Amino acid sequence: MDERRLIARVLDGDPVAERELYNTHVDRVYRLAYRMTGDEDLAQEFTQETFIRAFERLKQFRGEAALSTWLHSIAVSVIYNGMRKVRRLQARHVDLQETVGLGESPVDADPDLRERLAAAIDELPWGYRTVFVMHDIEGFKHEEIAAALGVQTGTSKAQLSRARAKLREALADFAEEWAS
């Protein structure tokens, strides 16, 4: 269906059109939220919040970019703000399991590549991580990322390049072990 007609139907209060718009975009918004948070519950919460905000602000959609790009810019904003709040709460929380065995020496065992890669991605600075996930994992183009994040296309490309360099550096010892 034509995107503009669908939006007009949603703005007219058509619940079928609302469901259609939601169903068309929910999977991609959820995947982005999940990749950014690494947590199913947070991803579901941020996806829901993204669509709440999108439906509230749909009248403001000017159509200068694709609806999916506009939705992803809302999603990135929701995720950034939500993760900021989560980090503040986590900083105040002390897990009792962390205090057990502080005097013991850790076991030296190499985790597999998937775990190492996930950890390396989690350690990337937030901007690098966002661009890396959106481009290399979710398949967004630099123009879409730039529009969603409100940056220049060159900034997106530079952040992706830096993210990849940091990942290569973080995984270099693993690659050396694997090659030998």
N, C-alpha and C. Protein backbone atom coordinates (compact mmCIF):
# COMPACT_ATOMS: atom_id res chain seq x y z
N MET A 1 0.84 -1.19 0.00
CA MET A 1 0.00 0.00 0.00
C MET A 1 0.88 1.24 0.00
N ASP A 2 0.38 2.30 -0.56
CA ASP A 2 1.07 3.58 -0.61
C ASP A 2 1.25 4.11 0.83
N GLU A 3 2.48 4.46 1.16
CA GLU A 3 2.81 4.91 2.52
C GLU A 3 2.02 6.14 2.93
N ARG A 4 1.88 7.08 2.03
CA ARG A 4 1.14 8.33 2.36
C ARG A 4 -0.32 8.05 2.65
N ARG A 5 -0.93 7.16 1.87
CA ARG A 5 -2.35 6.81 2.13
C ARG A 5 -2.49 6.09 3.46
N LEU A 6 -1.55 5.23 3.75
CA LEU A 6 -1.58 4.51 5.02
C LEU A 6 -1.48 5.50 6.19
N ILE A 7 -0.57 6.44 6.09
CA ILE A 7 -0.41 7.46 7.14
C ILE A 7 -1.68 8.29 7.28
N ALA A 8 -2.28 8.65 6.15
CA ALA A 8 -3.53 9.43 6.19
C ALA A 8 -4.63 8.64 6.89
N ARG A 9 -4.70 7.34 6.62
CA ARG A 9 -5.71 6.51 7.28
C ARG A 9 -5.45 6.43 8.77
N VAL A 10 -4.20 6.32 9.15
CA VAL A 10 -3.86 6.29 10.59
C VAL A 10 -4.28 7.60 11.24
N LEU A 11 -3.95 8.70 10.59
CA LEU A 11 -4.31 10.01 11.15
C LEU A 11 -5.82 10.22 11.22
N ASP A 12 -6.56 9.52 10.37
CA ASP A 12 -8.03 9.58 10.42
C ASP A 12 -8.61 8.66 11.49
N GLY A 13 -7.73 7.93 12.19
CA GLY A 13 -8.19 7.09 13.29
C GLY A 13 -8.54 5.67 12.90
N ASP A 14 -8.09 5.19 11.75
CA ASP A 14 -8.38 3.84 11.29
C ASP A 14 -7.49 2.83 12.04
N PRO A 15 -8.07 2.00 12.93
CA PRO A 15 -7.27 1.05 13.70
C PRO A 15 -6.62 -0.04 12.83
N VAL A 16 -7.24 -0.39 11.72
CA VAL A 16 -6.65 -1.38 10.81
C VAL A 16 -5.37 -0.81 10.19
N ALA A 17 -5.39 0.46 9.84
CA ALA A 17 -4.21 1.11 9.28
C ALA A 17 -3.10 1.21 10.33
N GLU A 18 -3.48 1.49 11.58
CA GLU A 18 -2.49 1.55 12.67
C GLU A 18 -1.79 0.20 12.81
N ARG A 19 -2.58 -0.87 12.81
CA ARG A 19 -2.01 -2.22 12.94
C ARG A 19 -1.12 -2.54 11.74
N GLU A 20 -1.53 -2.14 10.56
CA GLU A 20 -0.74 -2.40 9.35
C GLU A 20 0.60 -1.66 9.41
N LEU A 21 0.57 -0.40 9.81
CA LEU A 21 1.81 0.37 9.95
C LEU A 21 2.72 -0.29 10.98
N TYR A 22 2.15 -0.66 12.11
CA TYR A 22 2.91 -1.30 13.18
C TYR A 22 3.52 -2.61 12.67
N ASN A 23 2.70 -3.48 12.09
CA ASN A 23 3.18 -4.79 11.63
C ASN A 23 4.26 -4.67 10.56
N THR A 24 4.18 -3.64 9.75
CA THR A 24 5.16 -3.44 8.69
C THR A 24 6.54 -3.12 9.25
N HIS A 25 6.60 -2.41 10.37
CA HIS A 25 7.88 -1.89 10.86
C HIS A 25 8.36 -2.48 12.19
N VAL A 26 7.53 -3.21 12.90
CA VAL A 26 7.88 -3.63 14.25
C VAL A 26 9.09 -4.55 14.31
N ASP A 27 9.23 -5.47 13.37
CA ASP A 27 10.35 -6.41 13.44
C ASP A 27 11.70 -5.70 13.33
N ARG A 28 11.78 -4.76 12.40
CA ARG A 28 13.06 -4.07 12.20
C ARG A 28 13.38 -3.15 13.39
N VAL A 29 12.37 -2.49 13.95
CA VAL A 29 12.59 -1.65 15.13
C VAL A 29 13.03 -2.52 16.31
N TYR A 30 12.36 -3.66 16.48
CA TYR A 30 12.72 -4.55 17.59
C TYR A 30 14.16 -5.07 17.42
N ARG A 31 14.52 -5.50 16.21
CA ARG A 31 15.88 -6.00 15.99
C ARG A 31 16.92 -4.93 16.32
N LEU A 32 16.65 -3.70 15.91
CA LEU A 32 17.57 -2.62 16.23
C LEU A 32 17.68 -2.44 17.74
N ALA A 33 16.54 -2.42 18.41
CA ALA A 33 16.54 -2.24 19.88
C ALA A 33 17.26 -3.41 20.56
N TYR A 34 17.03 -4.62 20.07
CA TYR A 34 17.67 -5.78 20.68
C TYR A 34 19.18 -5.75 20.47
N ARG A 35 19.59 -5.41 19.26
CA ARG A 35 21.03 -5.34 18.98
C ARG A 35 21.71 -4.26 19.80
N MET A 36 20.99 -3.17 20.04
CA MET A 36 21.57 -2.06 20.79
C MET A 36 21.62 -2.35 22.30
N THR A 37 20.65 -3.12 22.79
CA THR A 37 20.57 -3.35 24.23
C THR A 37 21.08 -4.72 24.64
N GLY A 38 20.92 -5.71 23.76
CA GLY A 38 21.30 -7.08 24.11
C GLY A 38 20.34 -7.71 25.10
N ASP A 39 19.17 -7.13 25.27
CA ASP A 39 18.22 -7.59 26.28
C ASP A 39 16.81 -7.62 25.68
N GLU A 40 16.17 -8.79 25.72
CA GLU A 40 14.84 -8.93 25.11
C GLU A 40 13.81 -8.02 25.75
N ASP A 41 13.81 -7.96 27.09
CA ASP A 41 12.81 -7.14 27.78
C ASP A 41 12.98 -5.66 27.45
N LEU A 42 14.22 -5.18 27.47
CA LEU A 42 14.46 -3.78 27.13
C LEU A 42 14.10 -3.52 25.67
N ALA A 43 14.43 -4.46 24.80
CA ALA A 43 14.12 -4.29 23.37
C ALA A 43 12.61 -4.19 23.17
N GLN A 44 11.85 -5.02 23.85
CA GLN A 44 10.38 -4.95 23.75
C GLN A 44 9.86 -3.63 24.30
N GLU A 45 10.40 -3.22 25.44
CA GLU A 45 9.98 -1.95 26.04
C GLU A 45 10.30 -0.77 25.13
N PHE A 46 11.51 -0.74 24.58
CA PHE A 46 11.91 0.36 23.72
C PHE A 46 11.15 0.35 22.40
N THR A 47 10.83 -0.83 21.90
CA THR A 47 10.03 -0.94 20.68
C THR A 47 8.64 -0.36 20.92
N GLN A 48 8.05 -0.75 22.03
CA GLN A 48 6.72 -0.23 22.38
C GLN A 48 6.75 1.30 22.53
N GLU A 49 7.75 1.80 23.22
CA GLU A 49 7.87 3.24 23.42
C GLU A 49 8.09 3.96 22.09
N THR A 50 8.84 3.35 21.19
CA THR A 50 9.07 3.94 19.87
C THR A 50 7.74 4.13 19.14
N PHE A 51 6.91 3.11 19.14
CA PHE A 51 5.64 3.22 18.42
C PHE A 51 4.65 4.15 19.13
N ILE A 52 4.69 4.19 20.43
CA ILE A 52 3.85 5.16 21.15
C ILE A 52 4.21 6.57 20.71
N ARG A 53 5.50 6.87 20.72
CA ARG A 53 5.95 8.20 20.30
C ARG A 53 5.65 8.47 18.83
N ALA A 54 5.85 7.45 18.00
CA ALA A 54 5.61 7.63 16.57
C ALA A 54 4.15 7.95 16.30
N PHE A 55 3.24 7.23 16.91
CA PHE A 55 1.82 7.50 16.68
C PHE A 55 1.42 8.86 17.25
N GLU A 56 2.03 9.25 18.36
CA GLU A 56 1.75 10.59 18.92
C GLU A 56 2.24 11.70 17.99
N ARG A 57 3.34 11.45 17.29
CA ARG A 57 3.99 12.49 16.47
C ARG A 57 3.78 12.30 14.97
N LEU A 58 2.92 11.39 14.59
CA LEU A 58 2.75 11.08 13.17
C LEU A 58 2.33 12.31 12.37
N LYS A 59 1.59 13.22 12.98
CA LYS A 59 1.18 14.45 12.28
C LYS A 59 2.39 15.29 11.89
N GLN A 60 3.48 15.14 12.63
CA GLN A 60 4.69 15.92 12.37
C GLN A 60 5.56 15.31 11.27
N PHE A 61 5.25 14.08 10.86
CA PHE A 61 6.03 13.42 9.80
C PHE A 61 5.84 14.20 8.50
N ARG A 62 6.97 14.70 7.94
CA ARG A 62 6.90 15.55 6.75
C ARG A 62 7.12 14.77 5.46
N GLY A 63 7.58 13.55 5.57
CA GLY A 63 7.80 12.75 4.38
C GLY A 63 9.08 13.07 3.63
N GLU A 64 10.00 13.81 4.26
CA GLU A 64 11.26 14.14 3.60
C GLU A 64 12.16 12.92 3.51
N ALA A 65 12.00 12.00 4.45
CA ALA A 65 12.72 10.73 4.45
C ALA A 65 11.66 9.63 4.46
N ALA A 66 12.11 8.40 4.29
CA ALA A 66 11.18 7.28 4.36
C ALA A 66 10.62 7.17 5.77
N LEU A 67 9.43 6.65 5.88
CA LEU A 67 8.81 6.45 7.19
C LEU A 67 9.69 5.57 8.06
N SER A 68 10.30 4.55 7.47
CA SER A 68 11.17 3.65 8.25
C SER A 68 12.36 4.40 8.83
N THR A 69 12.92 5.32 8.09
CA THR A 69 14.04 6.13 8.59
C THR A 69 13.58 7.01 9.74
N TRP A 70 12.41 7.61 9.59
CA TRP A 70 11.85 8.46 10.64
C TRP A 70 11.60 7.62 11.90
N LEU A 71 11.04 6.43 11.74
CA LEU A 71 10.80 5.55 12.88
C LEU A 71 12.10 5.16 13.57
N HIS A 72 13.13 4.89 12.77
CA HIS A 72 14.40 4.49 13.36
C HIS A 72 15.09 5.65 14.08
N SER A 73 14.86 6.87 13.64
CA SER A 73 15.43 8.01 14.38
C SER A 73 14.74 8.12 15.74
N ILE A 74 13.43 7.86 15.77
CA ILE A 74 12.72 7.85 17.06
C ILE A 74 13.24 6.70 17.92
N ALA A 75 13.42 5.53 17.31
CA ALA A 75 13.91 4.36 18.05
C ALA A 75 15.28 4.62 18.66
N VAL A 76 16.17 5.18 17.89
CA VAL A 76 17.52 5.47 18.40
C VAL A 76 17.44 6.43 19.59
N SER A 77 16.61 7.43 19.49
CA SER A 77 16.44 8.37 20.59
C SER A 77 15.89 7.67 21.83
N VAL A 78 14.87 6.84 21.64
CA VAL A 78 14.28 6.10 22.76
C VAL A 78 15.33 5.18 23.40
N ILE A 79 16.09 4.49 22.56
CA ILE A 79 17.11 3.56 23.07
C ILE A 79 18.20 4.31 23.81
N TYR A 80 18.71 5.40 23.24
CA TYR A 80 19.74 6.19 23.92
C TYR A 80 19.25 6.64 25.29
N ASN A 81 18.09 7.25 25.33
CA ASN A 81 17.57 7.76 26.60
C ASN A 81 17.28 6.63 27.58
N GLY A 82 16.72 5.54 27.07
CA GLY A 82 16.42 4.41 27.94
C GLY A 82 17.67 3.77 28.50
N MET A 83 18.69 3.62 27.68
CA MET A 83 19.94 3.01 28.16
C MET A 83 20.66 3.92 29.15
N ARG A 84 20.55 5.22 28.96
CA ARG A 84 21.12 6.15 29.92
C ARG A 84 20.49 5.93 31.30
N LYS A 85 19.18 5.77 31.31
CA LYS A 85 18.46 5.54 32.56
C LYS A 85 18.85 4.19 33.16
N VAL A 86 18.94 3.16 32.33
CA VAL A 86 19.32 1.82 32.79
C VAL A 86 20.72 1.86 33.40
N ARG A 87 21.65 2.54 32.75
CA ARG A 87 23.03 2.61 33.26
C ARG A 87 23.09 3.33 34.60
N ARG A 88 22.29 4.38 34.75
CA ARG A 88 22.26 5.07 36.05
C ARG A 88 21.77 4.14 37.15
N LEU A 89 20.74 3.37 36.85
CA LEU A 89 20.21 2.42 37.84
C LEU A 89 21.21 1.31 38.13
N GLN A 90 21.86 0.79 37.10
CA GLN A 90 22.83 -0.28 37.28
C GLN A 90 24.05 0.20 38.07
N ALA A 91 24.41 1.45 37.91
CA ALA A 91 25.57 1.99 38.63
C ALA A 91 25.32 2.00 40.13
N ARG A 92 24.06 2.12 40.52
CA ARG A 92 23.72 2.13 41.95
C ARG A 92 23.51 0.73 42.51
N HIS A 93 23.37 -0.25 41.64
CA HIS A 93 23.06 -1.62 42.06
C HIS A 93 24.34 -2.42 42.24
N VAL A 94 24.44 -3.14 43.36
CA VAL A 94 25.57 -4.02 43.60
C VAL A 94 25.02 -5.43 43.73
N ASP A 95 25.45 -6.31 42.85
CA ASP A 95 25.01 -7.69 42.87
C ASP A 95 25.79 -8.44 43.93
N LEU A 96 25.09 -9.14 44.81
CA LEU A 96 25.75 -9.88 45.88
C LEU A 96 26.65 -10.98 45.33
N GLN A 97 26.34 -11.52 44.17
CA GLN A 97 27.17 -12.56 43.56
C GLN A 97 28.56 -12.02 43.20
N GLU A 98 28.65 -10.73 42.96
CA GLU A 98 29.95 -10.14 42.60
C GLU A 98 30.90 -10.12 43.79
N THR A 99 30.39 -10.18 45.00
CA THR A 99 31.24 -10.11 46.18
C THR A 99 31.78 -11.47 46.59
N VAL A 100 31.19 -12.55 46.10
CA VAL A 100 31.61 -13.90 46.46
C VAL A 100 32.91 -14.21 45.73
N GLY A 101 33.89 -14.70 46.48
CA GLY A 101 35.12 -15.17 45.87
C GLY A 101 36.02 -14.08 45.33
N LEU A 102 36.00 -12.90 45.93
CA LEU A 102 36.85 -11.82 45.42
C LEU A 102 38.33 -12.16 45.55
N GLY A 103 38.70 -12.98 46.53
CA GLY A 103 40.09 -13.34 46.74
C GLY A 103 40.56 -14.46 45.83
N GLU A 104 39.65 -15.12 45.14
CA GLU A 104 40.02 -16.23 44.28
C GLU A 104 40.56 -15.72 42.95
N SER A 105 41.48 -16.48 42.37
CA SER A 105 41.99 -16.07 41.06
C SER A 105 41.05 -16.59 39.98
N PRO A 106 40.84 -15.80 38.94
CA PRO A 106 39.91 -16.21 37.88
C PRO A 106 40.47 -17.37 37.07
N VAL A 107 39.59 -18.13 36.49
CA VAL A 107 40.00 -19.24 35.64
C VAL A 107 40.38 -18.67 34.28
N ASP A 108 41.56 -19.07 33.79
CA ASP A 108 42.00 -18.60 32.48
C ASP A 108 41.45 -19.51 31.40
N ALA A 109 40.34 -19.11 30.81
CA ALA A 109 39.74 -19.89 29.74
C ALA A 109 39.29 -18.93 28.65
N ASP A 110 39.65 -19.26 27.41
CA ASP A 110 39.23 -18.42 26.29
C ASP A 110 37.79 -18.72 25.91
N PRO A 111 36.95 -17.70 25.90
CA PRO A 111 35.58 -17.94 25.43
C PRO A 111 35.60 -18.09 23.92
N ASP A 112 34.52 -18.61 23.36
CA ASP A 112 34.51 -18.77 21.91
C ASP A 112 34.35 -17.42 21.22
N LEU A 113 34.50 -17.44 19.93
CA LEU A 113 34.50 -16.20 19.15
C LEU A 113 33.21 -15.41 19.30
N ARG A 114 32.06 -16.09 19.31
CA ARG A 114 30.78 -15.40 19.42
C ARG A 114 30.71 -14.57 20.71
N GLU A 115 31.14 -15.17 21.80
CA GLU A 115 31.13 -14.44 23.07
C GLU A 115 32.11 -13.28 23.05
N ARG A 116 33.29 -13.52 22.48
CA ARG A 116 34.29 -12.45 22.41
C ARG A 116 33.81 -11.30 21.53
N LEU A 117 33.19 -11.64 20.41
CA LEU A 117 32.69 -10.61 19.51
C LEU A 117 31.58 -9.80 20.19
N ALA A 118 30.65 -10.49 20.84
CA ALA A 118 29.55 -9.79 21.54
C ALA A 118 30.11 -8.86 22.61
N ALA A 119 31.09 -9.33 23.35
CA ALA A 119 31.70 -8.50 24.38
C ALA A 119 32.42 -7.31 23.76
N ALA A 120 33.12 -7.54 22.66
CA ALA A 120 33.84 -6.45 21.99
C ALA A 120 32.87 -5.40 21.46
N ILE A 121 31.76 -5.84 20.91
CA ILE A 121 30.75 -4.90 20.42
C ILE A 121 30.18 -4.10 21.59
N ASP A 122 29.92 -4.78 22.71
CA ASP A 122 29.39 -4.10 23.89
C ASP A 122 30.36 -3.04 24.43
N GLU A 123 31.65 -3.24 24.20
CA GLU A 123 32.65 -2.31 24.70
C GLU A 123 32.87 -1.10 23.79
N LEU A 124 32.32 -1.14 22.60
CA LEU A 124 32.49 0.00 21.69
C LEU A 124 31.83 1.24 22.27
N PRO A 125 32.38 2.42 22.01
CA PRO A 125 31.69 3.65 22.39
C PRO A 125 30.30 3.66 21.76
N TRP A 126 29.36 4.29 22.42
CA TRP A 126 27.95 4.21 22.02
C TRP A 126 27.73 4.60 20.55
N GLY A 127 28.34 5.65 20.07
CA GLY A 127 28.15 6.07 18.69
C GLY A 127 28.70 5.05 17.71
N TYR A 128 29.88 4.52 17.98
CA TYR A 128 30.47 3.51 17.12
C TYR A 128 29.58 2.27 17.10
N ARG A 129 29.13 1.86 18.28
CA ARG A 129 28.29 0.67 18.39
C ARG A 129 26.98 0.85 17.61
N THR A 130 26.38 2.02 17.72
CA THR A 130 25.12 2.28 17.04
C THR A 130 25.30 2.15 15.53
N VAL A 131 26.31 2.80 14.99
CA VAL A 131 26.54 2.75 13.54
C VAL A 131 26.91 1.34 13.11
N PHE A 132 27.76 0.66 13.88
CA PHE A 132 28.16 -0.71 13.54
C PHE A 132 26.94 -1.64 13.48
N VAL A 133 26.12 -1.58 14.50
CA VAL A 133 24.93 -2.44 14.55
C VAL A 133 23.98 -2.11 13.40
N MET A 134 23.73 -0.82 13.20
CA MET A 134 22.79 -0.43 12.14
C MET A 134 23.31 -0.82 10.76
N HIS A 135 24.61 -0.63 10.50
CA HIS A 135 25.16 -0.90 9.17
C HIS A 135 25.50 -2.37 8.96
N ASP A 136 26.39 -2.91 9.78
CA ASP A 136 26.93 -4.24 9.53
C ASP A 136 25.99 -5.36 9.96
N ILE A 137 25.16 -5.12 10.94
CA ILE A 137 24.28 -6.18 11.41
C ILE A 137 22.87 -6.05 10.84
N GLU A 138 22.33 -4.84 10.87
CA GLU A 138 20.96 -4.64 10.41
C GLU A 138 20.86 -4.25 8.93
N GLY A 139 21.97 -3.88 8.31
CA GLY A 139 21.97 -3.63 6.88
C GLY A 139 21.49 -2.25 6.43
N PHE A 140 21.48 -1.28 7.33
CA PHE A 140 21.11 0.08 6.93
C PHE A 140 22.21 0.67 6.06
N LYS A 141 21.85 1.58 5.19
CA LYS A 141 22.81 2.32 4.39
C LYS A 141 23.26 3.53 5.20
N HIS A 142 24.43 4.05 4.84
CA HIS A 142 24.97 5.20 5.59
C HIS A 142 24.02 6.40 5.54
N GLU A 143 23.35 6.59 4.43
CA GLU A 143 22.41 7.71 4.31
C GLU A 143 21.26 7.55 5.31
N GLU A 144 20.77 6.32 5.47
CA GLU A 144 19.69 6.06 6.42
C GLU A 144 20.16 6.26 7.86
N ILE A 145 21.36 5.79 8.13
CA ILE A 145 21.92 5.94 9.48
C ILE A 145 22.10 7.41 9.80
N ALA A 146 22.65 8.15 8.85
CA ALA A 146 22.87 9.59 9.05
C ALA A 146 21.55 10.30 9.34
N ALA A 147 20.52 9.96 8.56
CA ALA A 147 19.21 10.59 8.78
C ALA A 147 18.64 10.21 10.13
N ALA A 148 18.78 8.94 10.52
CA ALA A 148 18.22 8.48 11.79
C ALA A 148 18.94 9.10 12.98
N LEU A 149 20.25 9.29 12.85
CA LEU A 149 21.04 9.81 13.97
C LEU A 149 21.23 11.32 13.93
N GLY A 150 20.86 11.94 12.82
CA GLY A 150 21.02 13.39 12.70
C GLY A 150 22.47 13.80 12.53
N VAL A 151 23.23 12.98 11.79
CA VAL A 151 24.64 13.29 11.53
C VAL A 151 24.87 13.29 10.02
N GLN A 152 26.06 13.67 9.62
CA GLN A 152 26.44 13.63 8.21
C GLN A 152 26.75 12.19 7.81
N THR A 153 26.60 11.88 6.53
CA THR A 153 26.91 10.55 6.02
C THR A 153 28.37 10.21 6.29
N GLY A 154 29.25 11.18 6.13
CA GLY A 154 30.67 10.96 6.39
C GLY A 154 30.95 10.60 7.85
N THR A 155 30.18 11.15 8.75
CA THR A 155 30.33 10.81 10.17
C THR A 155 29.97 9.36 10.40
N SER A 156 28.89 8.91 9.77
CA SER A 156 28.49 7.51 9.87
C SER A 156 29.60 6.60 9.35
N LYS A 157 30.15 6.94 8.20
CA LYS A 157 31.21 6.12 7.60
C LYS A 157 32.46 6.10 8.50
N ALA A 158 32.81 7.25 9.05
CA ALA A 158 33.99 7.34 9.91
C ALA A 158 33.78 6.52 11.18
N GLN A 159 32.60 6.61 11.77
CA GLN A 159 32.34 5.86 13.00
C GLN A 159 32.35 4.36 12.74
N LEU A 160 31.85 3.94 11.58
CA LEU A 160 31.89 2.53 11.24
C LEU A 160 33.33 2.06 11.08
N SER A 161 34.14 2.85 10.41
CA SER A 161 35.54 2.50 10.22
C SER A 161 36.26 2.38 11.57
N ARG A 162 36.01 3.32 12.46
CA ARG A 162 36.64 3.28 13.79
C ARG A 162 36.13 2.09 14.60
N ALA A 163 34.84 1.78 14.48
CA ALA A 163 34.27 0.64 15.20
C ALA A 163 34.93 -0.65 14.73
N ARG A 164 35.07 -0.80 13.42
CA ARG A 164 35.70 -2.01 12.88
C ARG A 164 37.15 -2.12 13.34
N ALA A 165 37.86 -0.99 13.37
CA ALA A 165 39.26 -1.00 13.82
C ALA A 165 39.35 -1.43 15.28
N LYS A 166 38.45 -0.92 16.11
CA LYS A 166 38.45 -1.30 17.53
C LYS A 166 38.11 -2.78 17.70
N LEU A 167 37.21 -3.29 16.88
CA LEU A 167 36.87 -4.71 16.96
C LEU A 167 38.04 -5.57 16.51
N ARG A 168 38.73 -5.17 15.45
CA ARG A 168 39.92 -5.91 15.01
C ARG A 168 40.95 -5.95 16.13
N GLU A 169 41.14 -4.81 16.77
CA GLU A 169 42.11 -4.72 17.86
C GLU A 169 41.69 -5.61 19.04
N ALA A 170 40.41 -5.56 19.39
CA ALA A 170 39.92 -6.34 20.53
C ALA A 170 39.98 -7.84 20.27
N LEU A 171 39.89 -8.24 19.01
CA LEU A 171 39.86 -9.67 18.68
C LEU A 171 41.18 -10.17 18.10
N ALA A 172 42.20 -9.32 18.08
CA ALA A 172 43.48 -9.70 17.46
C ALA A 172 44.11 -10.91 18.12
N ASP A 173 44.11 -10.95 19.46
CA ASP A 173 44.73 -12.08 20.14
C ASP A 173 43.98 -13.38 19.88
N PHE A 174 42.69 -13.29 19.74
CA PHE A 174 41.88 -14.47 19.43
C PHE A 174 42.22 -14.98 18.02
N ALA A 175 42.37 -14.06 17.09
CA ALA A 175 42.70 -14.43 15.72
C ALA A 175 44.07 -15.09 15.65
N GLU A 176 45.03 -14.57 16.44
CA GLU A 176 46.37 -15.17 16.46
C GLU A 176 46.33 -16.58 17.02
N GLU A 177 45.55 -16.80 18.09
CA GLU A 177 45.44 -18.13 18.68
C GLU A 177 44.80 -19.09 17.71
N TRP A 178 43.80 -18.64 16.99
CA TRP A 178 43.06 -19.48 16.07
C TRP A 178 43.95 -19.88 14.89
N ALA A 179 44.80 -18.96 14.44
CA ALA A 179 45.66 -19.22 13.29
C ALA A 179 46.79 -20.17 13.62
N SER A 180 47.18 -20.22 14.90
CA SER A 180 48.31 -21.09 15.24
C SER A 180 47.91 -22.49 15.62
